[in-house]
Amino acid sequence: MIEIDLVQEENLRYREELVGLRQAIIQADPMVLVDGRFEQMITSPVNVIPIAQQLIAAMRQRRVPA
């Protein structure tokens, strides 16, 4: 049963990290609340990762001088 406990603890830690990442996304781009991405992150927490990647890529594009 120790192995199951470790897996449950790891899952809980990942969920907490995803919640923190979701909050950071909302702070960085509040439009996620109205354009459907927030719902994607809520219905499937794994969607937080690609949305964060998209946000990072968009921020990089804004910083690169044309």
PDB file of N, CA and C in Angstrom:
ATOM      1  N   MET A   1       0.804  -1.202   0.000  1.00  0.00           N
ATOM      2  CA  MET A   1       0.000   0.000   0.000  1.00  0.00           C
ATOM      3  C   MET A   1       0.849   1.270   0.000  1.00  0.00           C
ATOM      4  N   ILE A   2       2.101   1.163   0.344  1.00  0.00           N
ATOM      5  CA  ILE A   2       2.971   2.335   0.338  1.00  0.00           C
ATOM      6  C   ILE A   2       3.108   2.891  -1.069  1.00  0.00           C
ATOM      7  N   GLU A   3       3.195   1.996  -2.066  1.00  0.00           N
ATOM      8  CA  GLU A   3       3.320   2.436  -3.450  1.00  0.00           C
ATOM      9  C   GLU A   3       2.098   3.237  -3.882  1.00  0.00           C
ATOM     10  N   ILE A   4       0.915   2.801  -3.492  1.00  0.00           N
ATOM     11  CA  ILE A   4      -0.315   3.516  -3.821  1.00  0.00           C
ATOM     12  C   ILE A   4      -0.318   4.885  -3.169  1.00  0.00           C
ATOM     13  N   ASP A   5       0.119   4.970  -1.931  1.00  0.00           N
ATOM     14  CA  ASP A   5       0.189   6.258  -1.231  1.00  0.00           C
ATOM     15  C   ASP A   5       1.132   7.212  -1.947  1.00  0.00           C
ATOM     16  N   LEU A   6       2.270   6.702  -2.401  1.00  0.00           N
ATOM     17  CA  LEU A   6       3.226   7.541  -3.108  1.00  0.00           C
ATOM     18  C   LEU A   6       2.647   8.065  -4.415  1.00  0.00           C
ATOM     19  N   VAL A   7       1.937   7.221  -5.123  1.00  0.00           N
ATOM     20  CA  VAL A   7       1.302   7.636  -6.372  1.00  0.00           C
ATOM     21  C   VAL A   7       0.239   8.680  -6.096  1.00  0.00           C
ATOM     22  N   GLN A   8      -0.549   8.494  -5.064  1.00  0.00           N
ATOM     23  CA  GLN A   8      -1.577   9.472  -4.714  1.00  0.00           C
ATOM     24  C   GLN A   8      -0.950  10.811  -4.322  1.00  0.00           C
ATOM     25  N   GLU A   9       0.135  10.768  -3.566  1.00  0.00           N
ATOM     26  CA  GLU A   9       0.826  12.004  -3.185  1.00  0.00           C
ATOM     27  C   GLU A   9       1.379  12.718  -4.413  1.00  0.00           C
ATOM     28  N   GLU A  10       1.945  11.960  -5.327  1.00  0.00           N
ATOM     29  CA  GLU A  10       2.500  12.553  -6.542  1.00  0.00           C
ATOM     30  C   GLU A  10       1.386  13.166  -7.390  1.00  0.00           C
ATOM     31  N   ASN A  11       0.267  12.469  -7.513  1.00  0.00           N
ATOM     32  CA  ASN A  11      -0.867  13.014  -8.260  1.00  0.00           C
ATOM     33  C   ASN A  11      -1.379  14.301  -7.627  1.00  0.00           C
ATOM     34  N   LEU A  12      -1.463  14.327  -6.321  1.00  0.00           N
ATOM     35  CA  LEU A  12      -1.905  15.528  -5.622  1.00  0.00           C
ATOM     36  C   LEU A  12      -0.939  16.683  -5.867  1.00  0.00           C
ATOM     37  N   ARG A  13       0.347  16.398  -5.825  1.00  0.00           N
ATOM     38  CA  ARG A  13       1.350  17.440  -6.062  1.00  0.00           C
ATOM     39  C   ARG A  13       1.226  17.991  -7.485  1.00  0.00           C
ATOM     40  N   TYR A  14       1.034  17.105  -8.468  1.00  0.00           N
ATOM     41  CA  TYR A  14       0.868  17.560  -9.852  1.00  0.00           C
ATOM     42  C   TYR A  14      -0.381  18.401 -10.014  1.00  0.00           C
ATOM     43  N   ARG A  15      -1.463  17.993  -9.373  1.00  0.00           N
ATOM     44  CA  ARG A  15      -2.695  18.783  -9.446  1.00  0.00           C
ATOM     45  C   ARG A  15      -2.477  20.174  -8.866  1.00  0.00           C
ATOM     46  N   GLU A  16      -1.780  20.251  -7.739  1.00  0.00           N
ATOM     47  CA  GLU A  16      -1.504  21.551  -7.117  1.00  0.00           C
ATOM     48  C   GLU A  16      -0.639  22.411  -8.028  1.00  0.00           C
ATOM     49  N   GLU A  17       0.336  21.805  -8.684  1.00  0.00           N
ATOM     50  CA  GLU A  17       1.193  22.554  -9.604  1.00  0.00           C
ATOM     51  C   GLU A  17       0.399  23.055 -10.799  1.00  0.00           C
ATOM     52  N   LEU A  18      -0.523  22.230 -11.306  1.00  0.00           N
ATOM     53  CA  LEU A  18      -1.354  22.649 -12.427  1.00  0.00           C
ATOM     54  C   LEU A  18      -2.282  23.794 -12.020  1.00  0.00           C
ATOM     55  N   VAL A  19      -2.804  23.748 -10.808  1.00  0.00           N
ATOM     56  CA  VAL A  19      -3.650  24.846 -10.318  1.00  0.00           C
ATOM     57  C   VAL A  19      -2.829  26.133 -10.246  1.00  0.00           C
ATOM     58  N   GLY A  20      -1.612  26.037  -9.738  1.00  0.00           N
ATOM     59  CA  GLY A  20      -0.747  27.209  -9.675  1.00  0.00           C
ATOM     60  C   GLY A  20      -0.424  27.749 -11.057  1.00  0.00           C
ATOM     61  N   LEU A  21      -0.160  26.861 -11.995  1.00  0.00           N
ATOM     62  CA  LEU A  21       0.120  27.276 -13.365  1.00  0.00           C
ATOM     63  C   LEU A  21      -1.111  27.915 -13.992  1.00  0.00           C
ATOM     64  N   ARG A  22      -2.280  27.343 -13.734  1.00  0.00           N
ATOM     65  CA  ARG A  22      -3.523  27.914 -14.253  1.00  0.00           C
ATOM     66  C   ARG A  22      -3.720  29.331 -13.711  1.00  0.00           C
ATOM     67  N   GLN A  23      -3.447  29.540 -12.435  1.00  0.00           N
ATOM     68  CA  GLN A  23      -3.577  30.877 -11.847  1.00  0.00           C
ATOM     69  C   GLN A  23      -2.592  31.858 -12.482  1.00  0.00           C
ATOM     70  N   ALA A  24      -1.379  31.390 -12.753  1.00  0.00           N
ATOM     71  CA  ALA A  24      -0.382  32.252 -13.399  1.00  0.00           C
ATOM     72  C   ALA A  24      -0.828  32.619 -14.816  1.00  0.00           C
ATOM     73  N   ILE A  25      -1.428  31.669 -15.519  1.00  0.00           N
ATOM     74  CA  ILE A  25      -1.930  31.943 -16.869  1.00  0.00           C
ATOM     75  C   ILE A  25      -3.012  33.006 -16.819  1.00  0.00           C
ATOM     76  N   ILE A  26      -3.923  32.884 -15.872  1.00  0.00           N
ATOM     77  CA  ILE A  26      -5.014  33.851 -15.747  1.00  0.00           C
ATOM     78  C   ILE A  26      -4.463  35.242 -15.454  1.00  0.00           C
ATOM     79  N   GLN A  27      -3.450  35.319 -14.619  1.00  0.00           N
ATOM     80  CA  GLN A  27      -2.858  36.618 -14.310  1.00  0.00           C
ATOM     81  C   GLN A  27      -2.135  37.200 -15.522  1.00  0.00           C
ATOM     82  N   ALA A  28      -1.456  36.356 -16.282  1.00  0.00           N
ATOM     83  CA  ALA A  28      -0.693  36.833 -17.436  1.00  0.00           C
ATOM     84  C   ALA A  28      -1.598  37.193 -18.609  1.00  0.00           C
ATOM     85  N   ASP A  29      -2.693  36.464 -18.769  1.00  0.00           N
ATOM     86  CA  ASP A  29      -3.596  36.697 -19.897  1.00  0.00           C
ATOM     87  C   ASP A  29      -5.044  36.488 -19.454  1.00  0.00           C
ATOM     88  N   PRO A  30      -5.657  37.510 -18.883  1.00  0.00           N
ATOM     89  CA  PRO A  30      -7.033  37.377 -18.390  1.00  0.00           C
ATOM     90  C   PRO A  30      -8.051  37.004 -19.470  1.00  0.00           C
ATOM     91  N   MET A  31      -7.694  37.140 -20.736  1.00  0.00           N
ATOM     92  CA  MET A  31      -8.609  36.771 -21.822  1.00  0.00           C
ATOM     93  C   MET A  31      -8.968  35.293 -21.795  1.00  0.00           C
ATOM     94  N   VAL A  32      -8.168  34.476 -21.127  1.00  0.00           N
ATOM     95  CA  VAL A  32      -8.495  33.043 -21.046  1.00  0.00           C
ATOM     96  C   VAL A  32      -9.849  32.822 -20.377  1.00  0.00           C
ATOM     97  N   LEU A  33     -10.276  33.783 -19.588  1.00  0.00           N
ATOM     98  CA  LEU A  33     -11.559  33.657 -18.895  1.00  0.00           C
ATOM     99  C   LEU A  33     -12.749  33.810 -19.836  1.00  0.00           C
ATOM    100  N   VAL A  34     -12.545  34.454 -20.979  1.00  0.00           N
ATOM    101  CA  VAL A  34     -13.670  34.714 -21.881  1.00  0.00           C
ATOM    102  C   VAL A  34     -13.553  34.023 -23.235  1.00  0.00           C
ATOM    103  N   ASP A  35     -12.395  33.506 -23.584  1.00  0.00           N
ATOM    104  CA  ASP A  35     -12.231  32.929 -24.926  1.00  0.00           C
ATOM    105  C   ASP A  35     -12.306  31.405 -24.974  1.00  0.00           C
ATOM    106  N   GLY A  36     -12.677  30.775 -23.872  1.00  0.00           N
ATOM    107  CA  GLY A  36     -12.871  29.338 -23.870  1.00  0.00           C
ATOM    108  C   GLY A  36     -11.706  28.528 -23.327  1.00  0.00           C
ATOM    109  N   ARG A  37     -10.543  29.142 -23.213  1.00  0.00           N
ATOM    110  CA  ARG A  37      -9.387  28.387 -22.721  1.00  0.00           C
ATOM    111  C   ARG A  37      -9.528  28.027 -21.252  1.00  0.00           C
ATOM    112  N   PHE A  38     -10.178  28.877 -20.469  1.00  0.00           N
ATOM    113  CA  PHE A  38     -10.369  28.568 -19.052  1.00  0.00           C
ATOM    114  C   PHE A  38     -11.199  27.294 -18.899  1.00  0.00           C
ATOM    115  N   GLU A  39     -12.264  27.191 -19.680  1.00  0.00           N
ATOM    116  CA  GLU A  39     -13.096  25.993 -19.633  1.00  0.00           C
ATOM    117  C   GLU A  39     -12.288  24.750 -20.008  1.00  0.00           C
ATOM    118  N   GLN A  40     -11.405  24.893 -20.992  1.00  0.00           N
ATOM    119  CA  GLN A  40     -10.543  23.771 -21.377  1.00  0.00           C
ATOM    120  C   GLN A  40      -9.659  23.339 -20.214  1.00  0.00           C
ATOM    121  N   MET A  41      -9.127  24.322 -19.493  1.00  0.00           N
ATOM    122  CA  MET A  41      -8.241  24.011 -18.370  1.00  0.00           C
ATOM    123  C   MET A  41      -9.003  23.374 -17.209  1.00  0.00           C
ATOM    124  N   ILE A  42     -10.262  23.749 -17.040  1.00  0.00           N
ATOM    125  CA  ILE A  42     -11.065  23.199 -15.952  1.00  0.00           C
ATOM    126  C   ILE A  42     -11.530  21.784 -16.284  1.00  0.00           C
ATOM    127  N   THR A  43     -12.011  21.578 -17.502  1.00  0.00           N
ATOM    128  CA  THR A  43     -12.546  20.264 -17.865  1.00  0.00           C
ATOM    129  C   THR A  43     -11.455  19.209 -17.988  1.00  0.00           C
ATOM    130  N   SER A  44     -10.263  19.627 -18.395  1.00  0.00           N
ATOM    131  CA  SER A  44      -9.154  18.684 -18.511  1.00  0.00           C
ATOM    132  C   SER A  44      -7.885  19.400 -18.051  1.00  0.00           C
ATOM    133  N   PRO A  45      -7.509  19.224 -16.801  1.00  0.00           N
ATOM    134  CA  PRO A  45      -6.362  19.948 -16.254  1.00  0.00           C
ATOM    135  C   PRO A  45      -5.066  19.795 -17.061  1.00  0.00           C
ATOM    136  N   VAL A  46      -4.936  18.711 -17.805  1.00  0.00           N
ATOM    137  CA  VAL A  46      -3.730  18.535 -18.621  1.00  0.00           C
ATOM    138  C   VAL A  46      -3.645  19.618 -19.694  1.00  0.00           C
ATOM    139  N   ASN A  47      -4.782  20.210 -20.080  1.00  0.00           N
ATOM    140  CA  ASN A  47      -4.794  21.278 -21.073  1.00  0.00           C
ATOM    141  C   ASN A  47      -4.086  22.536 -20.588  1.00  0.00           C
ATOM    142  N   VAL A  48      -3.814  22.623 -19.309  1.00  0.00           N
ATOM    143  CA  VAL A  48      -3.096  23.781 -18.777  1.00  0.00           C
ATOM    144  C   VAL A  48      -1.716  23.886 -19.436  1.00  0.00           C
ATOM    145  N   ILE A  49      -1.080  22.768 -19.676  1.00  0.00           N
ATOM    146  CA  ILE A  49       0.284  22.761 -20.202  1.00  0.00           C
ATOM    147  C   ILE A  49       0.356  23.349 -21.611  1.00  0.00           C
ATOM    148  N   PRO A  50      -0.446  22.875 -22.586  1.00  0.00           N
ATOM    149  CA  PRO A  50      -0.347  23.489 -23.912  1.00  0.00           C
ATOM    150  C   PRO A  50      -0.789  24.952 -23.937  1.00  0.00           C
ATOM    151  N   ILE A  51      -1.733  25.311 -23.098  1.00  0.00           N
ATOM    152  CA  ILE A  51      -2.144  26.715 -23.037  1.00  0.00           C
ATOM    153  C   ILE A  51      -1.006  27.567 -22.503  1.00  0.00           C
ATOM    154  N   ALA A  52      -0.288  27.067 -21.501  1.00  0.00           N
ATOM    155  CA  ALA A  52       0.886  27.784 -20.990  1.00  0.00           C
ATOM    156  C   ALA A  52       1.950  27.898 -22.076  1.00  0.00           C
ATOM    157  N   GLN A  53       2.148  26.842 -22.839  1.00  0.00           N
ATOM    158  CA  GLN A  53       3.130  26.875 -23.926  1.00  0.00           C
ATOM    159  C   GLN A  53       2.752  27.918 -24.969  1.00  0.00           C
ATOM    160  N   GLN A  54       1.468  27.995 -25.312  1.00  0.00           N
ATOM    161  CA  GLN A  54       1.001  28.995 -26.270  1.00  0.00           C
ATOM    162  C   GLN A  54       1.240  30.405 -25.752  1.00  0.00           C
ATOM    163  N   LEU A  55       0.962  30.613 -24.484  1.00  0.00           N
ATOM    164  CA  LEU A  55       1.154  31.928 -23.874  1.00  0.00           C
ATOM    165  C   LEU A  55       2.626  32.324 -23.890  1.00  0.00           C
ATOM    166  N   ILE A  56       3.499  31.389 -23.547  1.00  0.00           N
ATOM    167  CA  ILE A  56       4.932  31.661 -23.561  1.00  0.00           C
ATOM    168  C   ILE A  56       5.404  31.989 -24.972  1.00  0.00           C
ATOM    169  N   ALA A  57       4.943  31.223 -25.952  1.00  0.00           N
ATOM    170  CA  ALA A  57       5.332  31.479 -27.345  1.00  0.00           C
ATOM    171  C   ALA A  57       4.859  32.856 -27.797  1.00  0.00           C
ATOM    172  N   ALA A  58       3.641  33.231 -27.424  1.00  0.00           N
ATOM    173  CA  ALA A  58       3.119  34.550 -27.797  1.00  0.00           C
ATOM    174  C   ALA A  58       3.926  35.656 -27.139  1.00  0.00           C
ATOM    175  N   MET A  59       4.327  35.455 -25.899  1.00  0.00           N
ATOM    176  CA  MET A  59       5.125  36.462 -25.198  1.00  0.00           C
ATOM    177  C   MET A  59       6.497  36.599 -25.854  1.00  0.00           C
ATOM    178  N   ARG A  60       7.067  35.497 -26.286  1.00  0.00           N
ATOM    179  CA  ARG A  60       8.366  35.553 -26.970  1.00  0.00           C
ATOM    180  C   ARG A  60       8.258  36.323 -28.272  1.00  0.00           C
ATOM    181  N   GLN A  61       7.180  36.102 -29.018  1.00  0.00           N
ATOM    182  CA  GLN A  61       6.992  36.798 -30.293  1.00  0.00           C
ATOM    183  C   GLN A  61       6.864  38.294 -30.098  1.00  0.00           C
ATOM    184  N   ARG A  62       6.213  38.687 -29.024  1.00  0.00           N
ATOM    185  CA  ARG A  62       6.068  40.130 -28.742  1.00  0.00           C
ATOM    186  C   ARG A  62       7.394  40.780 -28.399  1.00  0.00           C
ATOM    187  N   ARG A  63       8.314  40.016 -27.823  1.00  0.00           N
ATOM    188  CA  ARG A  63       9.600  40.569 -27.401  1.00  0.00           C
ATOM    189  C   ARG A  63      10.619  40.636 -28.525  1.00  0.00           C
ATOM    190  N   VAL A  64      10.454  39.813 -29.557  1.00  0.00           N
ATOM    191  CA  VAL A  64      11.422  39.775 -30.643  1.00  0.00           C
ATOM    192  C   VAL A  64      11.224  40.996 -31.531  1.00  0.00           C
ATOM    193  N   PRO A  65      12.282  41.818 -31.683  1.00  0.00           N
ATOM    194  CA  PRO A  65      12.139  43.001 -32.525  1.00  0.00           C
ATOM    195  C   PRO A  65      11.996  42.603 -34.004  1.00  0.00           C
ATOM    196  N   ALA A  66      11.137  43.315 -34.704  1.00  0.00           N
ATOM    197  CA  ALA A  66      10.885  42.993 -36.119  1.00  0.00           C
ATOM    198  C   ALA A  66      11.915  43.594 -37.022  1.00  0.00           C
TER     199      ALA A  66
END
